[in-house]
């Protein structure tokens, strides 16, 4: 996944960087509290787990607001040029001319997978809050049958494993030398304005 670099400028605004690192912190906490007990580390993980999930929910809503009303939803939607870019990558450089884009096809694909996974985790996690006593509400697991709860747990667990895989993949590609300018941009805001250059 060799991404060409174009002009340097402001790639990520401060609000988007704060969302990214806030979400990263929540995902790390959620992953640690979900998987460390399975590995044998004993601690009171439930309060930290659901609190991190509740914090993640407004972060995602904030991001969705910026997607629809600031950036525009089409920036991340795969289009024809993205399909052609994937084709070029699988069979070598082709003759098709591609339009410049802030995000290339692979970044859009990763974002789509991560967004879908996080939304599934949030939806199932928020339902699962009904089984926890908090200062705001009393638990009421009777809202669903045992069979339905089982389905919710399986979906939540499968999505958690998917997010763990995506997190590892994200860190791996961020540390590759050809992608470090994107990592720097997520820290400072300055970076390549276009991930995909327009011509072959």
N, C-alpha and C. Protein backbone atom coordinates (compact mmCIF):
# COMPACT_ATOMS: atom_id res chain seq x y z
N UNK A 1 0.84 -1.17 0.00
CA UNK A 1 0.00 0.00 0.00
C UNK A 1 0.89 1.23 0.00
N UNK A 2 1.50 1.54 -1.12
CA UNK A 2 2.41 2.65 -1.24
C UNK A 2 1.62 3.89 -1.65
N UNK A 3 1.53 4.86 -0.76
CA UNK A 3 0.70 6.03 -0.99
C UNK A 3 1.55 7.20 -1.45
N UNK A 4 1.31 7.74 -2.66
CA UNK A 4 2.07 8.89 -3.11
C UNK A 4 1.75 10.12 -2.26
N UNK A 5 2.75 10.98 -2.10
CA UNK A 5 2.59 12.18 -1.30
C UNK A 5 2.50 13.39 -2.21
N UNK A 6 1.55 14.26 -1.93
CA UNK A 6 1.42 15.49 -2.70
C UNK A 6 1.78 16.69 -1.82
N UNK A 7 1.19 17.82 -2.09
CA UNK A 7 1.54 19.07 -1.44
C UNK A 7 1.35 18.99 0.07
N UNK A 8 2.25 19.67 0.80
CA UNK A 8 2.14 19.74 2.24
C UNK A 8 1.24 20.93 2.62
N UNK A 9 0.47 20.76 3.66
CA UNK A 9 -0.41 21.82 4.14
C UNK A 9 -1.13 21.34 5.38
N UNK A 10 -2.27 21.95 5.68
CA UNK A 10 -3.08 21.52 6.82
C UNK A 10 -3.90 20.31 6.38
N UNK A 11 -3.59 19.17 6.94
CA UNK A 11 -4.32 17.95 6.58
C UNK A 11 -5.46 17.68 7.56
N UNK A 12 -5.21 17.86 8.86
CA UNK A 12 -6.24 17.59 9.87
C UNK A 12 -6.37 18.78 10.81
N UNK A 13 -7.59 19.26 10.97
CA UNK A 13 -7.84 20.37 11.90
C UNK A 13 -7.76 19.87 13.34
N UNK A 14 -7.60 20.82 14.26
CA UNK A 14 -7.43 20.47 15.67
C UNK A 14 -8.59 19.63 16.19
N UNK A 15 -9.83 20.00 15.87
CA UNK A 15 -10.99 19.26 16.36
C UNK A 15 -10.96 17.81 15.90
N UNK A 16 -10.51 17.58 14.66
CA UNK A 16 -10.45 16.21 14.14
C UNK A 16 -9.33 15.42 14.78
N UNK A 17 -8.22 16.09 15.09
CA UNK A 17 -7.12 15.41 15.76
C UNK A 17 -7.51 15.05 17.19
N UNK A 18 -8.19 15.96 17.87
CA UNK A 18 -8.63 15.67 19.24
C UNK A 18 -9.61 14.49 19.25
N UNK A 19 -10.52 14.44 18.26
CA UNK A 19 -11.43 13.30 18.16
C UNK A 19 -10.63 12.01 17.97
N UNK A 20 -9.68 12.03 17.04
CA UNK A 20 -8.90 10.83 16.72
C UNK A 20 -8.20 10.28 17.96
N UNK A 21 -7.51 11.15 18.71
CA UNK A 21 -6.76 10.67 19.87
C UNK A 21 -7.68 10.35 21.04
N UNK A 22 -8.81 11.06 21.15
CA UNK A 22 -9.79 10.70 22.17
C UNK A 22 -10.39 9.33 21.89
N UNK A 23 -10.71 9.08 20.63
CA UNK A 23 -11.23 7.77 20.25
C UNK A 23 -10.18 6.69 20.47
N UNK A 24 -8.92 6.99 20.14
CA UNK A 24 -7.84 6.02 20.34
C UNK A 24 -7.73 5.65 21.81
N UNK A 25 -7.80 6.65 22.71
CA UNK A 25 -7.71 6.38 24.14
C UNK A 25 -8.87 5.50 24.60
N UNK A 26 -10.08 5.81 24.12
CA UNK A 26 -11.25 4.99 24.48
C UNK A 26 -11.11 3.56 23.98
N UNK A 27 -10.65 3.41 22.74
CA UNK A 27 -10.51 2.07 22.16
C UNK A 27 -9.46 1.26 22.92
N UNK A 28 -8.35 1.91 23.30
CA UNK A 28 -7.32 1.21 24.07
C UNK A 28 -7.87 0.77 25.43
N UNK A 29 -8.58 1.66 26.10
CA UNK A 29 -9.18 1.31 27.40
C UNK A 29 -10.22 0.20 27.25
N UNK A 30 -11.05 0.31 26.22
CA UNK A 30 -12.06 -0.72 26.00
C UNK A 30 -11.41 -2.07 25.68
N UNK A 31 -10.38 -2.04 24.85
CA UNK A 31 -9.68 -3.29 24.51
C UNK A 31 -8.99 -3.90 25.72
N UNK A 32 -8.32 -3.05 26.51
CA UNK A 32 -7.63 -3.55 27.69
C UNK A 32 -8.60 -4.15 28.70
N UNK A 33 -9.71 -3.45 28.94
CA UNK A 33 -10.67 -3.96 29.92
C UNK A 33 -11.44 -5.17 29.40
N UNK A 34 -11.50 -5.34 28.08
CA UNK A 34 -12.19 -6.50 27.52
C UNK A 34 -11.30 -7.74 27.49
N UNK A 35 -10.03 -7.56 27.11
CA UNK A 35 -9.18 -8.72 26.84
C UNK A 35 -8.22 -9.08 27.98
N UNK A 36 -7.80 -8.12 28.80
CA UNK A 36 -6.89 -8.47 29.90
C UNK A 36 -7.49 -9.45 30.89
N UNK A 37 -8.79 -9.31 31.26
CA UNK A 37 -9.36 -10.33 32.15
C UNK A 37 -9.36 -11.73 31.53
N UNK A 38 -9.54 -11.80 30.22
CA UNK A 38 -9.50 -13.11 29.54
C UNK A 38 -8.11 -13.71 29.64
N UNK A 39 -7.09 -12.85 29.66
CA UNK A 39 -5.70 -13.32 29.75
C UNK A 39 -5.27 -13.62 31.19
N UNK A 40 -6.19 -13.42 32.14
CA UNK A 40 -5.89 -13.79 33.52
C UNK A 40 -5.61 -12.64 34.46
N UNK A 41 -5.66 -11.40 33.97
CA UNK A 41 -5.44 -10.24 34.82
C UNK A 41 -6.76 -9.89 35.52
N UNK A 42 -6.75 -9.95 36.85
CA UNK A 42 -7.97 -9.74 37.62
C UNK A 42 -8.02 -8.30 38.15
N UNK A 43 -9.05 -7.59 37.80
CA UNK A 43 -9.30 -6.25 38.33
C UNK A 43 -10.76 -5.91 38.06
N UNK A 44 -11.23 -4.85 38.67
CA UNK A 44 -12.63 -4.44 38.51
C UNK A 44 -12.77 -3.71 37.17
N UNK A 45 -12.92 -4.48 36.12
CA UNK A 45 -12.85 -3.93 34.77
C UNK A 45 -14.18 -3.38 34.26
N UNK A 46 -15.31 -3.84 34.80
CA UNK A 46 -16.61 -3.46 34.25
C UNK A 46 -16.87 -1.96 34.29
N UNK A 47 -16.66 -1.26 35.43
CA UNK A 47 -16.94 0.19 35.44
C UNK A 47 -16.09 0.96 34.42
N UNK A 48 -14.82 0.63 34.32
CA UNK A 48 -13.95 1.33 33.36
C UNK A 48 -14.37 1.02 31.93
N UNK A 49 -14.83 -0.21 31.69
CA UNK A 49 -15.21 -0.61 30.35
C UNK A 49 -16.45 0.15 29.88
N UNK A 50 -17.52 0.13 30.69
CA UNK A 50 -18.74 0.78 30.22
C UNK A 50 -18.59 2.29 30.21
N UNK A 51 -17.79 2.85 31.15
CA UNK A 51 -17.57 4.30 31.15
C UNK A 51 -16.84 4.74 29.89
N UNK A 52 -15.84 3.98 29.48
CA UNK A 52 -15.11 4.29 28.24
C UNK A 52 -16.03 4.23 27.04
N UNK A 53 -16.94 3.25 27.03
CA UNK A 53 -17.90 3.14 25.95
C UNK A 53 -18.86 4.31 25.90
N UNK A 54 -19.30 4.75 27.09
CA UNK A 54 -20.21 5.89 27.16
C UNK A 54 -19.50 7.17 26.71
N UNK A 55 -18.22 7.32 27.03
CA UNK A 55 -17.44 8.48 26.57
C UNK A 55 -17.26 8.43 25.05
N UNK A 56 -17.05 7.22 24.52
CA UNK A 56 -16.85 7.06 23.08
C UNK A 56 -18.09 7.48 22.28
N UNK A 57 -19.28 7.23 22.82
CA UNK A 57 -20.52 7.53 22.10
C UNK A 57 -20.64 9.01 21.71
N UNK A 58 -20.48 9.98 22.63
CA UNK A 58 -20.55 11.38 22.19
C UNK A 58 -19.40 11.80 21.29
N UNK A 59 -18.24 11.16 21.45
CA UNK A 59 -17.13 11.44 20.53
C UNK A 59 -17.52 11.07 19.10
N UNK A 60 -18.15 9.92 18.94
CA UNK A 60 -18.58 9.49 17.61
C UNK A 60 -19.67 10.41 17.07
N UNK A 61 -20.60 10.83 17.93
CA UNK A 61 -21.63 11.77 17.50
C UNK A 61 -21.02 13.10 17.06
N UNK A 62 -20.01 13.56 17.78
CA UNK A 62 -19.29 14.78 17.40
C UNK A 62 -18.64 14.62 16.03
N UNK A 63 -18.03 13.46 15.82
CA UNK A 63 -17.39 13.19 14.53
C UNK A 63 -18.42 13.14 13.41
N UNK A 64 -19.55 12.49 13.66
CA UNK A 64 -20.59 12.42 12.64
C UNK A 64 -21.12 13.81 12.30
N UNK A 65 -21.25 14.67 13.29
CA UNK A 65 -21.67 16.05 13.03
C UNK A 65 -20.69 16.73 12.09
N UNK A 66 -19.39 16.56 12.35
CA UNK A 66 -18.37 17.20 11.50
C UNK A 66 -18.36 16.58 10.10
N UNK A 67 -18.62 15.28 10.03
CA UNK A 67 -18.66 14.62 8.72
C UNK A 67 -19.79 15.20 7.86
N UNK A 68 -20.96 15.35 8.44
CA UNK A 68 -22.13 15.77 7.66
C UNK A 68 -22.22 17.29 7.46
N UNK A 69 -21.69 18.06 8.42
CA UNK A 69 -21.92 19.51 8.35
C UNK A 69 -20.65 20.35 8.18
N UNK A 70 -19.47 19.74 8.28
CA UNK A 70 -18.22 20.49 8.12
C UNK A 70 -17.44 19.98 6.91
N UNK A 71 -17.09 18.69 6.92
CA UNK A 71 -16.25 18.13 5.86
C UNK A 71 -17.06 17.73 4.62
N UNK A 72 -18.22 17.19 4.84
CA UNK A 72 -18.99 16.62 3.74
C UNK A 72 -18.81 15.11 3.72
N UNK A 73 -19.90 14.41 3.62
CA UNK A 73 -19.86 12.94 3.71
C UNK A 73 -19.13 12.31 2.53
N UNK A 74 -19.08 12.99 1.39
CA UNK A 74 -18.53 12.38 0.18
C UNK A 74 -17.02 12.21 0.22
N UNK A 75 -16.37 12.88 1.17
CA UNK A 75 -14.91 12.80 1.24
C UNK A 75 -14.43 11.38 1.51
N UNK A 76 -15.25 10.59 2.22
CA UNK A 76 -14.86 9.23 2.59
C UNK A 76 -15.64 8.15 1.86
N UNK A 77 -16.56 8.52 0.99
CA UNK A 77 -17.36 7.53 0.28
C UNK A 77 -16.57 7.01 -0.92
N UNK A 78 -16.38 5.69 -1.04
CA UNK A 78 -15.67 5.14 -2.20
C UNK A 78 -16.41 5.45 -3.49
N UNK A 79 -15.64 5.79 -4.53
CA UNK A 79 -16.21 6.12 -5.83
C UNK A 79 -15.49 5.33 -6.92
N UNK A 80 -15.82 5.65 -8.16
CA UNK A 80 -15.23 4.93 -9.29
C UNK A 80 -13.72 4.98 -9.32
N UNK A 81 -13.14 6.15 -9.04
CA UNK A 81 -11.67 6.25 -9.05
C UNK A 81 -11.03 5.37 -7.99
N UNK A 82 -11.73 5.15 -6.88
CA UNK A 82 -11.19 4.29 -5.84
C UNK A 82 -11.14 2.83 -6.31
N UNK A 83 -12.16 2.41 -7.03
CA UNK A 83 -12.16 1.05 -7.60
C UNK A 83 -11.03 0.92 -8.61
N UNK A 84 -10.85 1.95 -9.45
CA UNK A 84 -9.77 1.93 -10.44
C UNK A 84 -8.40 1.93 -9.75
N UNK A 85 -8.28 2.65 -8.64
CA UNK A 85 -7.01 2.67 -7.91
C UNK A 85 -6.67 1.30 -7.36
N UNK A 86 -7.66 0.61 -6.83
CA UNK A 86 -7.43 -0.75 -6.33
C UNK A 86 -7.02 -1.67 -7.47
N UNK A 87 -7.70 -1.51 -8.62
CA UNK A 87 -7.33 -2.30 -9.80
C UNK A 87 -5.90 -2.05 -10.23
N UNK A 88 -5.48 -0.79 -10.22
CA UNK A 88 -4.10 -0.46 -10.57
C UNK A 88 -3.12 -1.09 -9.60
N UNK A 89 -3.47 -1.08 -8.32
CA UNK A 89 -2.57 -1.63 -7.31
C UNK A 89 -2.42 -3.14 -7.44
N UNK A 90 -3.49 -3.82 -7.87
CA UNK A 90 -3.43 -5.28 -7.95
C UNK A 90 -2.76 -5.77 -9.22
N UNK A 91 -2.79 -4.98 -10.29
CA UNK A 91 -2.17 -5.45 -11.54
C UNK A 91 -1.01 -4.57 -12.00
N UNK A 92 -0.56 -3.67 -11.13
CA UNK A 92 0.53 -2.77 -11.51
C UNK A 92 -0.03 -1.49 -12.10
N UNK A 93 0.85 -0.55 -12.37
CA UNK A 93 0.42 0.76 -12.87
C UNK A 93 -0.33 0.62 -14.18
N UNK A 94 -1.44 1.30 -14.28
CA UNK A 94 -2.24 1.27 -15.49
C UNK A 94 -2.24 2.62 -16.17
N UNK A 95 -3.08 2.77 -17.18
CA UNK A 95 -3.11 4.02 -17.93
C UNK A 95 -4.21 4.96 -17.46
N UNK A 96 -5.07 4.49 -16.56
CA UNK A 96 -6.19 5.33 -16.14
C UNK A 96 -5.69 6.55 -15.36
N UNK A 97 -6.24 7.69 -15.69
CA UNK A 97 -5.96 8.90 -14.92
C UNK A 97 -6.94 8.97 -13.75
N UNK A 98 -6.42 9.23 -12.57
CA UNK A 98 -7.25 9.29 -11.37
C UNK A 98 -7.28 10.72 -10.85
N UNK A 99 -8.41 11.11 -10.28
CA UNK A 99 -8.50 12.44 -9.69
C UNK A 99 -7.76 12.47 -8.36
N UNK A 100 -7.23 13.63 -8.02
CA UNK A 100 -6.58 13.79 -6.72
C UNK A 100 -7.61 13.63 -5.62
N UNK A 101 -7.17 13.11 -4.48
CA UNK A 101 -8.09 12.92 -3.37
C UNK A 101 -7.32 13.00 -2.05
N UNK A 102 -7.98 13.55 -1.04
CA UNK A 102 -7.35 13.64 0.28
C UNK A 102 -7.07 12.25 0.84
N UNK A 103 -8.00 11.32 0.58
CA UNK A 103 -7.85 9.95 1.05
C UNK A 103 -7.83 9.02 -0.14
N UNK A 104 -6.90 8.05 -0.13
CA UNK A 104 -6.87 7.09 -1.23
C UNK A 104 -7.86 5.96 -0.95
N UNK A 105 -7.96 5.04 -1.89
CA UNK A 105 -8.96 3.96 -1.79
C UNK A 105 -8.75 3.10 -0.56
N UNK A 106 -7.50 2.87 -0.19
CA UNK A 106 -7.21 1.99 0.94
C UNK A 106 -7.54 2.67 2.26
N UNK A 107 -7.29 3.97 2.34
CA UNK A 107 -7.67 4.71 3.54
C UNK A 107 -9.19 4.75 3.70
N UNK A 108 -9.88 4.94 2.58
CA UNK A 108 -11.35 4.93 2.64
C UNK A 108 -11.88 3.56 3.05
N UNK A 109 -11.28 2.51 2.51
CA UNK A 109 -11.71 1.16 2.86
C UNK A 109 -11.50 0.86 4.33
N UNK A 110 -10.34 1.28 4.85
CA UNK A 110 -10.07 1.06 6.27
C UNK A 110 -11.07 1.85 7.12
N UNK A 111 -11.31 3.10 6.74
CA UNK A 111 -12.24 3.93 7.50
C UNK A 111 -13.64 3.32 7.51
N UNK A 112 -14.09 2.81 6.37
CA UNK A 112 -15.40 2.18 6.29
C UNK A 112 -15.49 0.97 7.22
N UNK A 113 -14.44 0.13 7.21
CA UNK A 113 -14.42 -1.04 8.09
C UNK A 113 -14.40 -0.64 9.56
N UNK A 114 -13.56 0.35 9.91
CA UNK A 114 -13.47 0.79 11.31
C UNK A 114 -14.75 1.46 11.76
N UNK A 115 -15.34 2.30 10.90
CA UNK A 115 -16.57 3.00 11.28
C UNK A 115 -17.71 2.01 11.51
N UNK A 116 -17.84 1.04 10.62
CA UNK A 116 -18.89 0.04 10.76
C UNK A 116 -18.71 -0.76 12.05
N UNK A 117 -17.47 -1.17 12.31
CA UNK A 117 -17.18 -1.96 13.50
C UNK A 117 -17.47 -1.18 14.77
N UNK A 118 -17.04 0.08 14.83
CA UNK A 118 -17.27 0.90 16.02
C UNK A 118 -18.76 1.13 16.24
N UNK A 119 -19.51 1.39 15.17
CA UNK A 119 -20.95 1.60 15.31
C UNK A 119 -21.66 0.35 15.81
N UNK A 120 -21.23 -0.82 15.33
CA UNK A 120 -21.81 -2.08 15.82
C UNK A 120 -21.49 -2.27 17.30
N UNK A 121 -20.24 -1.98 17.68
CA UNK A 121 -19.84 -2.10 19.08
C UNK A 121 -20.63 -1.14 19.97
N UNK A 122 -20.79 0.09 19.51
CA UNK A 122 -21.55 1.06 20.30
C UNK A 122 -23.01 0.66 20.45
N UNK A 123 -23.62 0.23 19.34
CA UNK A 123 -25.03 -0.15 19.39
C UNK A 123 -25.26 -1.31 20.35
N UNK A 124 -24.44 -2.35 20.22
CA UNK A 124 -24.60 -3.51 21.11
C UNK A 124 -24.19 -3.18 22.53
N UNK A 125 -23.13 -2.38 22.68
CA UNK A 125 -22.67 -1.99 24.02
C UNK A 125 -23.69 -1.16 24.76
N UNK A 126 -24.34 -0.24 24.07
CA UNK A 126 -25.35 0.59 24.72
C UNK A 126 -26.55 -0.25 25.16
N UNK A 127 -26.89 -1.26 24.37
CA UNK A 127 -27.96 -2.17 24.78
C UNK A 127 -27.54 -2.95 26.03
N UNK A 128 -26.28 -3.37 26.06
CA UNK A 128 -25.78 -4.16 27.18
C UNK A 128 -25.72 -3.36 28.48
N UNK A 129 -25.78 -2.03 28.40
CA UNK A 129 -25.81 -1.22 29.62
C UNK A 129 -27.03 -1.53 30.48
N UNK A 130 -28.06 -2.11 29.88
CA UNK A 130 -29.26 -2.48 30.64
C UNK A 130 -28.96 -3.55 31.68
N UNK A 131 -27.82 -4.23 31.57
CA UNK A 131 -27.49 -5.30 32.51
C UNK A 131 -26.54 -4.83 33.60
N UNK A 132 -26.31 -3.51 33.68
CA UNK A 132 -25.35 -2.97 34.65
C UNK A 132 -26.04 -1.95 35.55
N UNK A 133 -25.77 -2.04 36.86
CA UNK A 133 -26.22 -1.02 37.80
C UNK A 133 -25.27 0.16 37.76
N UNK A 134 -25.81 1.36 37.60
CA UNK A 134 -25.00 2.57 37.62
C UNK A 134 -25.69 3.60 38.52
N UNK A 135 -25.06 4.76 38.68
CA UNK A 135 -25.68 5.82 39.46
C UNK A 135 -26.85 6.45 38.71
N UNK A 136 -26.96 6.16 37.42
CA UNK A 136 -28.01 6.76 36.60
C UNK A 136 -29.23 5.85 36.42
N UNK A 137 -29.05 4.55 36.48
CA UNK A 137 -30.16 3.63 36.27
C UNK A 137 -29.89 2.30 36.97
N UNK A 138 -30.95 1.53 37.15
CA UNK A 138 -30.85 0.20 37.74
C UNK A 138 -30.92 -0.83 36.63
N UNK A 139 -30.19 -1.90 36.80
CA UNK A 139 -30.13 -2.93 35.76
C UNK A 139 -31.51 -3.56 35.53
N UNK A 140 -31.76 -3.90 34.27
CA UNK A 140 -33.02 -4.57 33.92
C UNK A 140 -32.79 -5.48 32.73
N UNK A 141 -32.19 -6.65 32.96
CA UNK A 141 -31.90 -7.57 31.85
C UNK A 141 -33.15 -8.18 31.23
N UNK A 142 -34.31 -7.95 31.85
CA UNK A 142 -35.55 -8.55 31.33
C UNK A 142 -36.05 -7.87 30.06
N UNK A 143 -35.38 -6.82 29.62
CA UNK A 143 -35.83 -6.14 28.40
C UNK A 143 -35.66 -7.02 27.18
N UNK A 144 -34.76 -8.03 27.27
CA UNK A 144 -34.55 -8.96 26.16
C UNK A 144 -34.58 -10.39 26.69
N UNK A 145 -34.86 -11.32 25.80
CA UNK A 145 -34.81 -12.74 26.17
C UNK A 145 -33.36 -13.20 26.26
N UNK A 146 -33.13 -14.35 26.91
CA UNK A 146 -31.78 -14.90 27.01
C UNK A 146 -31.20 -15.17 25.61
N UNK A 147 -32.04 -15.66 24.71
CA UNK A 147 -31.58 -15.94 23.34
C UNK A 147 -31.10 -14.66 22.66
N UNK A 148 -31.88 -13.59 22.80
CA UNK A 148 -31.51 -12.31 22.18
C UNK A 148 -30.25 -11.75 22.82
N UNK A 149 -30.14 -11.87 24.15
CA UNK A 149 -28.91 -11.42 24.81
C UNK A 149 -27.71 -12.18 24.27
N UNK A 150 -27.87 -13.47 24.02
CA UNK A 150 -26.78 -14.27 23.46
C UNK A 150 -26.32 -13.73 22.11
N UNK A 151 -27.29 -13.38 21.26
CA UNK A 151 -26.96 -12.81 19.95
C UNK A 151 -26.20 -11.49 20.11
N UNK A 152 -26.68 -10.64 21.04
CA UNK A 152 -26.04 -9.35 21.28
C UNK A 152 -24.59 -9.56 21.72
N UNK A 153 -24.37 -10.51 22.63
CA UNK A 153 -23.02 -10.77 23.13
C UNK A 153 -22.10 -11.31 22.03
N UNK A 154 -22.62 -12.19 21.20
CA UNK A 154 -21.81 -12.73 20.10
C UNK A 154 -21.42 -11.64 19.12
N UNK A 155 -22.36 -10.80 18.75
CA UNK A 155 -22.07 -9.70 17.81
C UNK A 155 -21.06 -8.74 18.43
N UNK A 156 -21.25 -8.41 19.70
CA UNK A 156 -20.34 -7.48 20.38
C UNK A 156 -18.93 -8.08 20.45
N UNK A 157 -18.84 -9.35 20.79
CA UNK A 157 -17.53 -10.00 20.88
C UNK A 157 -16.83 -10.11 19.54
N UNK A 158 -17.58 -10.46 18.50
CA UNK A 158 -16.99 -10.56 17.15
C UNK A 158 -16.51 -9.20 16.67
N UNK A 159 -17.31 -8.15 16.94
CA UNK A 159 -16.90 -6.80 16.54
C UNK A 159 -15.68 -6.35 17.32
N UNK A 160 -15.58 -6.76 18.59
CA UNK A 160 -14.40 -6.41 19.40
C UNK A 160 -13.14 -7.04 18.82
N UNK A 161 -13.23 -8.29 18.40
CA UNK A 161 -12.08 -8.95 17.77
C UNK A 161 -11.71 -8.27 16.46
N UNK A 162 -12.73 -7.86 15.69
CA UNK A 162 -12.48 -7.15 14.44
C UNK A 162 -11.79 -5.81 14.70
N UNK A 163 -12.23 -5.10 15.73
CA UNK A 163 -11.62 -3.81 16.04
C UNK A 163 -10.18 -3.99 16.52
N UNK A 164 -9.91 -5.06 17.26
CA UNK A 164 -8.53 -5.35 17.68
C UNK A 164 -7.64 -5.56 16.46
N UNK A 165 -8.12 -6.32 15.49
CA UNK A 165 -7.37 -6.54 14.25
C UNK A 165 -7.14 -5.22 13.51
N UNK A 166 -8.19 -4.40 13.39
CA UNK A 166 -8.07 -3.12 12.69
C UNK A 166 -7.13 -2.17 13.41
N UNK A 167 -7.13 -2.19 14.74
CA UNK A 167 -6.24 -1.35 15.52
C UNK A 167 -4.78 -1.72 15.25
N UNK A 168 -4.49 -3.01 15.28
CA UNK A 168 -3.12 -3.48 15.01
C UNK A 168 -2.71 -3.10 13.58
N UNK A 169 -3.61 -3.29 12.63
CA UNK A 169 -3.34 -2.94 11.23
C UNK A 169 -3.08 -1.45 11.09
N UNK A 170 -3.87 -0.63 11.77
CA UNK A 170 -3.73 0.82 11.70
C UNK A 170 -2.37 1.27 12.23
N UNK A 171 -1.97 0.73 13.38
CA UNK A 171 -0.67 1.08 13.97
C UNK A 171 0.46 0.63 13.05
N UNK A 172 0.35 -0.57 12.50
CA UNK A 172 1.39 -1.09 11.60
C UNK A 172 1.61 -0.16 10.41
N UNK A 173 0.53 0.20 9.72
CA UNK A 173 0.67 1.04 8.53
C UNK A 173 1.09 2.47 8.89
N UNK A 174 0.67 2.95 10.06
CA UNK A 174 1.06 4.30 10.47
C UNK A 174 2.56 4.40 10.71
N UNK A 175 3.19 3.29 11.10
CA UNK A 175 4.62 3.31 11.40
C UNK A 175 5.50 3.01 10.19
N UNK A 176 4.91 2.63 9.06
CA UNK A 176 5.71 2.41 7.86
C UNK A 176 6.34 3.72 7.42
N UNK A 177 7.59 3.69 6.95
CA UNK A 177 8.27 4.94 6.56
C UNK A 177 7.48 5.77 5.56
N UNK A 178 6.84 5.13 4.57
CA UNK A 178 6.12 5.89 3.54
C UNK A 178 4.81 6.50 4.06
N UNK A 179 4.40 6.12 5.28
CA UNK A 179 3.16 6.66 5.83
C UNK A 179 3.38 7.55 7.04
N UNK A 180 4.63 7.76 7.42
CA UNK A 180 4.88 8.52 8.65
C UNK A 180 4.45 9.97 8.54
N UNK A 181 4.39 10.50 7.33
CA UNK A 181 3.92 11.88 7.17
C UNK A 181 2.44 11.99 7.55
N UNK A 182 1.68 10.91 7.34
CA UNK A 182 0.27 10.91 7.76
C UNK A 182 0.16 10.84 9.28
N UNK A 183 1.05 10.08 9.92
CA UNK A 183 1.08 10.02 11.38
C UNK A 183 1.45 11.39 11.94
N UNK A 184 2.45 12.03 11.36
CA UNK A 184 2.85 13.36 11.81
C UNK A 184 1.71 14.36 11.66
N UNK A 185 0.94 14.22 10.58
CA UNK A 185 -0.19 15.12 10.34
C UNK A 185 -1.28 14.93 11.39
N UNK A 186 -1.41 13.72 11.91
CA UNK A 186 -2.42 13.49 12.94
C UNK A 186 -1.96 14.04 14.29
N UNK A 187 -0.69 14.38 14.40
CA UNK A 187 -0.16 14.99 15.62
C UNK A 187 -0.13 16.52 15.50
N UNK A 188 0.44 17.00 14.41
CA UNK A 188 0.63 18.45 14.25
C UNK A 188 -0.43 19.12 13.39
N UNK A 189 -1.11 18.33 12.57
CA UNK A 189 -2.07 18.89 11.62
C UNK A 189 -1.48 19.10 10.25
N UNK A 190 -0.16 19.29 10.18
CA UNK A 190 0.50 19.54 8.90
C UNK A 190 0.89 18.23 8.23
N UNK A 191 0.60 18.13 6.94
CA UNK A 191 0.94 16.91 6.22
C UNK A 191 0.50 16.99 4.78
N UNK A 192 0.54 15.86 4.07
CA UNK A 192 0.15 15.86 2.67
C UNK A 192 -1.34 16.16 2.50
N UNK A 193 -1.65 17.15 1.70
CA UNK A 193 -3.06 17.49 1.47
C UNK A 193 -3.76 16.42 0.65
N UNK A 194 -3.02 15.75 -0.23
CA UNK A 194 -3.61 14.72 -1.07
C UNK A 194 -2.85 13.41 -0.88
N UNK A 195 -3.60 12.36 -0.54
CA UNK A 195 -2.98 11.04 -0.40
C UNK A 195 -2.85 10.36 -1.76
N UNK A 196 -3.74 10.72 -2.70
CA UNK A 196 -3.70 10.12 -4.03
C UNK A 196 -3.41 11.20 -5.05
N UNK A 197 -2.34 11.02 -5.78
CA UNK A 197 -2.07 11.98 -6.85
C UNK A 197 -2.91 11.62 -8.07
N UNK A 198 -3.10 12.59 -8.94
CA UNK A 198 -4.09 12.44 -9.98
C UNK A 198 -3.69 11.64 -11.18
N UNK A 199 -2.44 11.57 -11.55
CA UNK A 199 -2.06 10.92 -12.81
C UNK A 199 -1.24 9.67 -12.55
N UNK A 200 -1.30 8.75 -13.50
CA UNK A 200 -0.52 7.51 -13.37
C UNK A 200 0.92 7.76 -13.74
